N, C-alpha and C. Protein backbone atom coordinates (compact mmCIF):
# COMPACT_ATOMS: atom_id res chain seq x y z
N MET A 1 -81.30 -149.81 -162.22
CA MET A 1 -81.24 -150.41 -163.47
C MET A 1 -79.45 -151.55 -163.29
N GLY A 2 -78.86 -151.20 -162.64
CA GLY A 2 -77.52 -151.76 -162.16
C GLY A 2 -77.87 -153.11 -161.51
N TYR A 3 -78.99 -153.06 -160.62
CA TYR A 3 -79.34 -154.32 -159.94
C TYR A 3 -79.63 -155.28 -161.13
N GLY A 4 -80.34 -155.02 -161.98
CA GLY A 4 -80.82 -156.13 -163.01
C GLY A 4 -79.31 -156.72 -163.70
N VAL A 5 -78.53 -155.94 -164.00
CA VAL A 5 -77.13 -156.36 -164.88
C VAL A 5 -76.56 -157.43 -163.55
N ILE A 6 -76.87 -156.85 -162.35
CA ILE A 6 -75.96 -157.81 -161.40
C ILE A 6 -76.79 -159.28 -161.19
N ARG A 7 -78.09 -158.99 -161.21
CA ARG A 7 -78.67 -160.44 -160.95
C ARG A 7 -78.83 -161.02 -162.43
N THR A 8 -78.79 -160.61 -163.79
CA THR A 8 -78.75 -161.65 -164.53
C THR A 8 -77.72 -162.60 -164.72
N PRO A 9 -76.53 -162.23 -164.32
CA PRO A 9 -75.56 -163.33 -164.64
C PRO A 9 -75.85 -164.40 -163.62
N VAL A 10 -76.54 -164.35 -162.53
CA VAL A 10 -76.99 -165.43 -161.96
C VAL A 10 -77.74 -166.48 -162.82
N VAL A 11 -78.66 -166.13 -163.76
CA VAL A 11 -79.08 -167.03 -164.44
C VAL A 11 -78.32 -168.17 -165.01
N GLY A 12 -76.86 -167.53 -165.83
CA GLY A 12 -76.23 -168.45 -166.05
C GLY A 12 -75.84 -169.36 -165.06
N GLY A 13 -75.13 -169.25 -163.90
CA GLY A 13 -75.03 -170.00 -162.72
C GLY A 13 -75.88 -170.89 -162.14
N VAL A 14 -77.26 -170.57 -162.26
CA VAL A 14 -78.18 -171.63 -161.82
C VAL A 14 -78.50 -172.49 -162.86
N LEU A 15 -78.55 -172.02 -164.42
CA LEU A 15 -78.81 -172.96 -165.39
C LEU A 15 -77.50 -173.95 -165.41
N ALA A 16 -76.41 -173.80 -165.01
CA ALA A 16 -75.26 -174.47 -164.96
C ALA A 16 -75.37 -175.88 -164.18
N VAL A 17 -75.59 -175.33 -162.96
CA VAL A 17 -76.03 -176.15 -161.80
C VAL A 17 -77.33 -176.73 -162.17
N SER A 18 -78.33 -176.24 -162.39
CA SER A 18 -79.94 -177.11 -163.01
C SER A 18 -79.50 -177.95 -164.01
N ALA A 19 -78.91 -177.77 -165.33
CA ALA A 19 -78.51 -178.56 -166.04
C ALA A 19 -77.93 -179.66 -165.60
N ALA A 20 -76.68 -179.83 -165.19
CA ALA A 20 -75.96 -180.77 -164.44
C ALA A 20 -77.02 -181.71 -163.46
N ALA A 21 -77.67 -181.18 -163.00
CA ALA A 21 -78.61 -181.92 -161.89
C ALA A 21 -79.68 -182.62 -162.72
N LEU A 22 -80.37 -181.83 -163.60
CA LEU A 22 -81.19 -182.63 -164.50
C LEU A 22 -80.66 -183.65 -165.24
N LEU A 23 -79.71 -183.57 -165.91
CA LEU A 23 -79.01 -184.46 -166.78
C LEU A 23 -78.94 -185.79 -165.67
N VAL A 24 -78.15 -185.30 -164.59
CA VAL A 24 -77.97 -186.38 -163.77
C VAL A 24 -79.35 -187.14 -163.46
N GLY A 25 -80.60 -186.30 -163.13
CA GLY A 25 -81.65 -186.77 -162.68
C GLY A 25 -82.70 -187.46 -163.64
N CYS A 26 -82.49 -187.04 -164.71
CA CYS A 26 -83.35 -187.61 -165.79
C CYS A 26 -82.61 -188.68 -166.51
N GLY A 27 -81.45 -188.96 -166.56
CA GLY A 27 -80.44 -190.09 -167.12
C GLY A 27 -80.72 -191.43 -166.52
N GLY A 28 -81.34 -191.19 -165.04
CA GLY A 28 -81.32 -192.64 -164.53
C GLY A 28 -82.83 -192.82 -164.45
N ALA A 29 -83.52 -192.46 -165.38
CA ALA A 29 -84.88 -192.92 -165.58
C ALA A 29 -85.22 -194.58 -165.74
N LEU A 30 -85.88 -194.83 -164.29
CA LEU A 30 -85.96 -196.38 -164.97
C LEU A 30 -87.33 -196.83 -165.35
N GLY A 31 -88.25 -195.80 -165.64
CA GLY A 31 -89.35 -196.22 -166.49
C GLY A 31 -90.58 -196.16 -165.39
N GLY A 32 -91.05 -197.57 -165.11
CA GLY A 32 -92.19 -197.03 -164.32
C GLY A 32 -93.31 -197.49 -165.56
N GLY A 33 -93.17 -197.97 -166.59
CA GLY A 33 -93.91 -198.63 -167.51
C GLY A 33 -94.39 -197.14 -168.47
N GLY A 34 -94.92 -197.84 -169.72
CA GLY A 34 -95.57 -196.74 -170.67
C GLY A 34 -94.24 -195.94 -171.43
N ASN A 35 -94.10 -194.71 -171.77
CA ASN A 35 -93.05 -194.13 -172.68
C ASN A 35 -92.43 -193.08 -171.36
N SER A 36 -92.27 -193.70 -170.11
CA SER A 36 -91.14 -192.68 -169.47
C SER A 36 -90.00 -192.43 -169.68
N ALA A 37 -89.39 -193.42 -169.91
CA ALA A 37 -88.00 -193.28 -170.08
C ALA A 37 -87.67 -192.43 -171.64
N ALA A 38 -88.42 -192.66 -172.35
CA ALA A 38 -88.38 -191.60 -173.82
C ALA A 38 -88.89 -190.32 -173.33
N THR A 39 -89.58 -190.09 -172.56
CA THR A 39 -90.32 -188.97 -172.34
C THR A 39 -89.08 -188.33 -171.44
N CYS A 40 -88.49 -188.73 -170.43
CA CYS A 40 -87.62 -188.22 -169.66
C CYS A 40 -86.33 -187.48 -170.45
N ASP A 41 -86.11 -188.98 -171.43
CA ASP A 41 -85.04 -188.66 -172.34
C ASP A 41 -85.28 -187.19 -173.25
N GLY A 42 -86.33 -187.18 -173.55
CA GLY A 42 -86.90 -185.97 -174.42
C GLY A 42 -86.70 -184.82 -173.63
N ALA A 43 -86.99 -185.07 -172.56
CA ALA A 43 -86.93 -183.69 -171.26
C ALA A 43 -85.58 -183.08 -171.18
N LYS A 44 -84.74 -184.04 -170.99
CA LYS A 44 -83.16 -183.86 -170.88
C LYS A 44 -82.54 -183.30 -172.27
N LYS A 45 -83.06 -184.03 -173.30
CA LYS A 45 -82.74 -183.25 -174.81
C LYS A 45 -83.23 -181.73 -174.96
N ALA A 46 -84.45 -181.53 -174.39
CA ALA A 46 -84.94 -180.00 -174.37
C ALA A 46 -84.02 -179.21 -173.63
N TYR A 47 -83.64 -179.59 -172.28
CA TYR A 47 -82.80 -178.62 -171.66
C TYR A 47 -81.47 -178.59 -172.29
N GLU A 48 -81.05 -179.47 -172.54
CA GLU A 48 -79.81 -179.38 -173.50
C GLU A 48 -79.95 -178.56 -174.81
N ARG A 49 -80.67 -178.45 -175.75
CA ARG A 49 -81.09 -177.36 -176.61
C ARG A 49 -81.01 -176.10 -175.66
N TYR A 50 -81.95 -175.99 -174.86
CA TYR A 50 -81.71 -174.62 -174.20
C TYR A 50 -80.57 -174.24 -173.92
N ILE A 51 -79.82 -175.10 -173.17
CA ILE A 51 -78.61 -174.44 -172.64
C ILE A 51 -77.63 -174.25 -173.84
N GLY A 52 -77.42 -175.09 -174.69
CA GLY A 52 -76.84 -174.59 -176.22
C GLY A 52 -77.13 -173.22 -176.72
N GLY A 53 -78.63 -173.01 -176.69
CA GLY A 53 -79.01 -171.85 -177.24
C GLY A 53 -78.87 -170.44 -176.34
N VAL A 54 -79.12 -170.82 -174.97
CA VAL A 54 -78.68 -169.54 -174.34
C VAL A 54 -77.23 -169.33 -173.86
N ARG A 55 -76.59 -170.21 -173.92
CA ARG A 55 -74.65 -169.81 -173.75
C ARG A 55 -74.44 -168.93 -175.16
N ALA A 56 -75.16 -168.46 -176.09
CA ALA A 56 -74.78 -167.76 -177.17
C ALA A 56 -75.49 -166.48 -177.00
N VAL A 57 -76.65 -166.09 -175.70
CA VAL A 57 -76.98 -165.34 -175.54
C VAL A 57 -76.23 -164.13 -174.30
N SER A 58 -76.14 -163.26 -174.58
CA SER A 58 -75.33 -162.38 -173.54
C SER A 58 -76.53 -162.25 -172.13
N ALA A 59 -75.42 -162.55 -171.28
CA ALA A 59 -76.22 -162.69 -169.77
C ALA A 59 -76.68 -161.06 -169.36
N ALA A 60 -76.02 -160.00 -170.02
CA ALA A 60 -76.12 -158.84 -169.77
C ALA A 60 -77.53 -158.50 -170.57
N ASP A 61 -78.05 -159.23 -171.22
CA ASP A 61 -79.29 -158.73 -172.22
C ASP A 61 -80.49 -159.77 -171.80
N ALA A 62 -81.04 -159.65 -170.65
CA ALA A 62 -82.03 -160.88 -170.26
C ALA A 62 -82.87 -160.74 -171.48
N ALA A 63 -83.33 -160.15 -172.06
CA ALA A 63 -84.60 -159.92 -173.34
C ALA A 63 -84.38 -161.10 -174.14
N GLN A 64 -83.11 -161.37 -174.28
CA GLN A 64 -82.92 -162.44 -175.19
C GLN A 64 -83.08 -163.48 -175.17
N TRP A 65 -83.31 -164.07 -173.51
CA TRP A 65 -83.69 -165.21 -173.18
C TRP A 65 -85.23 -165.50 -173.25
N ARG A 66 -86.05 -164.64 -173.56
CA ARG A 66 -87.22 -164.93 -173.90
C ARG A 66 -87.68 -165.82 -174.89
N GLN A 67 -87.14 -166.06 -175.98
CA GLN A 67 -87.50 -166.80 -176.97
C GLN A 67 -86.87 -168.17 -176.73
N PRO A 68 -85.97 -168.09 -176.28
CA PRO A 68 -85.56 -169.60 -175.79
C PRO A 68 -86.32 -170.44 -174.75
N THR A 69 -86.33 -169.71 -173.94
CA THR A 69 -86.91 -170.14 -172.65
C THR A 69 -88.65 -170.55 -173.18
N GLU A 70 -89.24 -169.77 -173.76
CA GLU A 70 -90.74 -170.19 -174.44
C GLU A 70 -90.37 -171.15 -175.52
N GLN A 71 -89.39 -171.54 -176.17
CA GLN A 71 -89.29 -172.79 -176.74
C GLN A 71 -89.11 -174.07 -175.75
N LEU A 72 -88.34 -173.84 -174.63
CA LEU A 72 -88.16 -174.93 -173.62
C LEU A 72 -89.64 -175.08 -173.08
N ALA A 73 -90.40 -174.27 -172.75
CA ALA A 73 -91.69 -174.42 -172.38
C ALA A 73 -92.51 -175.20 -173.25
N ALA A 74 -92.66 -174.63 -174.34
CA ALA A 74 -93.49 -175.57 -175.73
C ALA A 74 -93.06 -176.86 -175.78
N SER A 75 -91.55 -177.53 -175.56
CA SER A 75 -91.22 -178.52 -175.96
C SER A 75 -91.60 -179.35 -174.86
N LEU A 76 -91.54 -178.91 -173.31
CA LEU A 76 -91.88 -179.55 -172.01
C LEU A 76 -93.31 -179.92 -172.33
N ALA A 77 -94.27 -178.51 -172.80
CA ALA A 77 -95.69 -179.13 -172.67
C ALA A 77 -96.00 -180.09 -173.68
N GLY A 78 -95.19 -180.24 -174.76
CA GLY A 78 -95.41 -181.19 -175.61
C GLY A 78 -95.04 -182.54 -175.13
N LEU A 79 -94.10 -182.69 -174.48
CA LEU A 79 -93.66 -183.88 -173.75
C LEU A 79 -94.69 -184.24 -172.80
N ALA A 80 -95.34 -183.30 -172.11
CA ALA A 80 -96.59 -183.69 -170.98
C ALA A 80 -97.55 -184.23 -171.28
N ASP A 81 -97.88 -183.57 -172.66
CA ASP A 81 -99.18 -184.51 -173.26
C ASP A 81 -99.25 -186.00 -173.96
N LYS A 82 -97.94 -186.16 -174.08
CA LYS A 82 -97.63 -187.67 -174.65
C LYS A 82 -97.14 -188.44 -173.41
N ALA A 83 -96.98 -188.03 -172.07
CA ALA A 83 -96.34 -188.71 -171.21
C ALA A 83 -97.45 -189.62 -170.74
N SER A 84 -97.16 -190.80 -170.84
CA SER A 84 -97.88 -192.03 -169.98
C SER A 84 -98.12 -191.84 -168.50
N ASP A 85 -97.35 -191.50 -167.84
CA ASP A 85 -97.13 -191.40 -166.12
C ASP A 85 -97.87 -190.11 -166.02
N ALA A 86 -98.52 -190.33 -164.65
CA ALA A 86 -99.35 -189.08 -164.49
C ALA A 86 -98.48 -188.17 -163.70
N ARG A 87 -97.48 -188.76 -162.88
CA ARG A 87 -96.64 -187.92 -162.06
C ARG A 87 -95.58 -187.16 -163.20
N LEU A 88 -95.05 -187.76 -163.89
CA LEU A 88 -94.41 -187.43 -165.06
C LEU A 88 -94.95 -186.03 -165.72
N ARG A 89 -96.41 -186.33 -166.20
CA ARG A 89 -96.77 -185.68 -167.14
C ARG A 89 -97.08 -184.00 -166.26
N ASP A 90 -97.56 -184.44 -164.87
CA ASP A 90 -97.71 -183.17 -164.13
C ASP A 90 -96.29 -182.14 -163.71
N ALA A 91 -95.39 -182.87 -163.67
CA ALA A 91 -93.98 -182.19 -163.44
C ALA A 91 -93.77 -181.65 -164.83
N LEU A 92 -93.94 -182.05 -166.03
CA LEU A 92 -93.67 -181.43 -167.19
C LEU A 92 -94.51 -180.06 -167.21
N LYS A 93 -95.59 -180.42 -166.92
CA LYS A 93 -96.83 -179.16 -167.23
C LYS A 93 -96.33 -178.16 -166.11
N ASP A 94 -95.82 -178.76 -165.04
CA ASP A 94 -95.85 -177.61 -164.06
C ASP A 94 -94.56 -176.94 -164.40
N GLN A 95 -93.62 -177.29 -164.93
CA GLN A 95 -92.54 -176.92 -165.32
C GLN A 95 -92.67 -176.16 -166.62
N ALA A 96 -93.13 -176.45 -167.46
CA ALA A 96 -93.85 -175.31 -168.74
C ALA A 96 -94.27 -174.36 -168.04
N THR A 97 -95.35 -174.56 -167.21
CA THR A 97 -96.15 -173.18 -166.81
C THR A 97 -95.47 -172.53 -165.86
N LYS A 98 -94.15 -172.64 -165.45
CA LYS A 98 -93.28 -171.84 -164.79
C LYS A 98 -92.38 -170.95 -165.66
N LEU A 99 -91.85 -171.76 -166.69
CA LEU A 99 -90.99 -171.68 -167.51
C LEU A 99 -91.81 -170.35 -168.61
N ARG A 100 -92.97 -170.39 -168.88
CA ARG A 100 -93.99 -169.54 -169.62
C ARG A 100 -93.83 -168.24 -168.94
N ALA A 101 -94.19 -168.31 -167.71
CA ALA A 101 -94.40 -167.33 -166.98
C ALA A 101 -92.92 -166.48 -166.90
N ALA A 102 -91.75 -167.13 -166.59
CA ALA A 102 -90.71 -166.58 -166.49
C ALA A 102 -90.31 -166.15 -167.70
N ALA A 103 -90.75 -166.33 -168.89
CA ALA A 103 -90.25 -165.90 -169.97
C ALA A 103 -90.95 -164.23 -170.47
N GLY A 104 -92.14 -164.38 -169.63
CA GLY A 104 -92.70 -162.73 -169.99
C GLY A 104 -91.95 -161.87 -168.83
N THR A 105 -91.40 -162.18 -167.76
CA THR A 105 -90.68 -161.40 -166.95
C THR A 105 -89.25 -161.18 -167.31
N VAL A 106 -88.42 -162.19 -167.90
CA VAL A 106 -87.24 -162.08 -168.15
C VAL A 106 -87.03 -161.20 -169.15
N SER A 107 -87.82 -160.90 -170.00
CA SER A 107 -87.95 -159.95 -171.37
C SER A 107 -87.47 -158.56 -170.56
N ALA A 108 -88.09 -158.38 -169.65
CA ALA A 108 -88.15 -157.26 -168.56
C ALA A 108 -86.70 -157.13 -168.13
N GLY A 109 -86.05 -158.05 -167.95
CA GLY A 109 -84.77 -157.92 -167.09
C GLY A 109 -85.03 -158.37 -165.93
N ASP A 110 -86.17 -158.94 -165.51
CA ASP A 110 -86.33 -159.54 -164.45
C ASP A 110 -86.22 -161.28 -164.43
N VAL A 111 -85.18 -161.62 -163.98
CA VAL A 111 -84.62 -163.01 -163.93
C VAL A 111 -85.08 -164.03 -162.66
N GLU A 112 -85.26 -163.57 -161.60
CA GLU A 112 -86.04 -164.01 -160.56
C GLU A 112 -86.86 -165.37 -160.77
N GLN A 113 -88.13 -165.06 -161.51
CA GLN A 113 -88.83 -166.36 -161.72
C GLN A 113 -87.80 -167.74 -162.71
N LEU A 114 -87.34 -167.13 -163.74
CA LEU A 114 -86.27 -168.04 -164.25
C LEU A 114 -85.61 -168.65 -163.55
N ASN A 115 -84.56 -167.96 -162.77
CA ASN A 115 -83.60 -168.41 -161.83
C ASN A 115 -84.64 -169.92 -160.96
N GLU A 116 -85.98 -169.40 -160.49
CA GLU A 116 -86.63 -170.19 -159.57
C GLU A 116 -86.85 -171.25 -160.56
N ALA A 117 -87.52 -171.07 -161.62
CA ALA A 117 -87.89 -172.50 -162.26
C ALA A 117 -86.69 -173.20 -162.88
N LEU A 118 -85.44 -172.70 -163.12
CA LEU A 118 -84.45 -173.59 -163.37
C LEU A 118 -83.99 -174.28 -162.24
N ALA A 119 -83.97 -173.70 -161.00
CA ALA A 119 -83.50 -174.20 -159.94
C ALA A 119 -84.34 -175.45 -159.67
N ALA A 120 -85.87 -175.24 -159.62
CA ALA A 120 -86.57 -176.32 -159.36
C ALA A 120 -86.58 -177.64 -160.45
N ALA A 121 -86.20 -177.41 -161.61
CA ALA A 121 -86.54 -178.34 -162.63
C ALA A 121 -85.79 -179.68 -162.25
N PRO A 122 -84.46 -179.69 -161.90
CA PRO A 122 -83.49 -180.91 -161.43
C PRO A 122 -84.32 -181.75 -160.47
N ASP A 123 -84.91 -181.27 -159.19
CA ASP A 123 -85.56 -181.99 -158.17
C ASP A 123 -86.76 -182.60 -158.91
N ALA A 124 -87.71 -181.62 -159.53
CA ALA A 124 -89.02 -182.03 -159.71
C ALA A 124 -89.04 -183.17 -160.84
N LEU A 125 -88.36 -182.64 -161.80
CA LEU A 125 -88.29 -183.79 -163.01
C LEU A 125 -87.25 -185.42 -162.89
N GLY A 126 -86.32 -184.76 -161.96
CA GLY A 126 -85.23 -186.18 -161.65
C GLY A 126 -86.40 -186.86 -160.41
N THR A 127 -87.43 -186.40 -159.76
CA THR A 127 -88.07 -187.32 -159.00
C THR A 127 -89.16 -188.02 -160.13
N ALA A 128 -89.60 -187.23 -160.74
CA ALA A 128 -90.63 -187.87 -161.66
C ALA A 128 -89.97 -188.97 -162.76
N CYS A 129 -88.62 -188.75 -162.96
CA CYS A 129 -87.82 -189.64 -163.84
C CYS A 129 -87.50 -190.90 -163.40
N ARG A 130 -87.47 -190.82 -161.88
CA ARG A 130 -87.14 -192.22 -161.41
C ARG A 130 -88.02 -193.45 -161.29
C-alpha cells in the first residue's frame, strides 16, 4: 500500500516536466498546411486545462485523477478527428489511447501508465506540431 503512495507523487513531477516540454513543443507549430497550428494550439490548451485541474487533486489520492485524465483523452481524440495532417492526427489518437488506458489504472492507484503517457506527450506532439 505504501508503494502506491510513494509512486503517486511522481505523477506531479512528470506532469510538470511534460507540461513544460509540451508547451514549448506545441508552441512552435509551424503548420504544414491545413489546420495544424490551430490543432496544436488546441492540444496545448487541453494539457493546460488538465494541469490546472489535477493541481487541485491530492497526489495521494490517485483515483481522483481518472476523470481529468479521461477528459484530456476525449479532448485529444476530438482534436485528432479534426486534424488535417495525418502525422498530427496519429499522434493525437495515440496519446488519447494511452491516456484512456492510463485513466483505468490510475483509479486503482497505479500511475505507471499515466507517467509513461505524460512523459511521451512532449516528444510525440512536439514532433508532430513542427
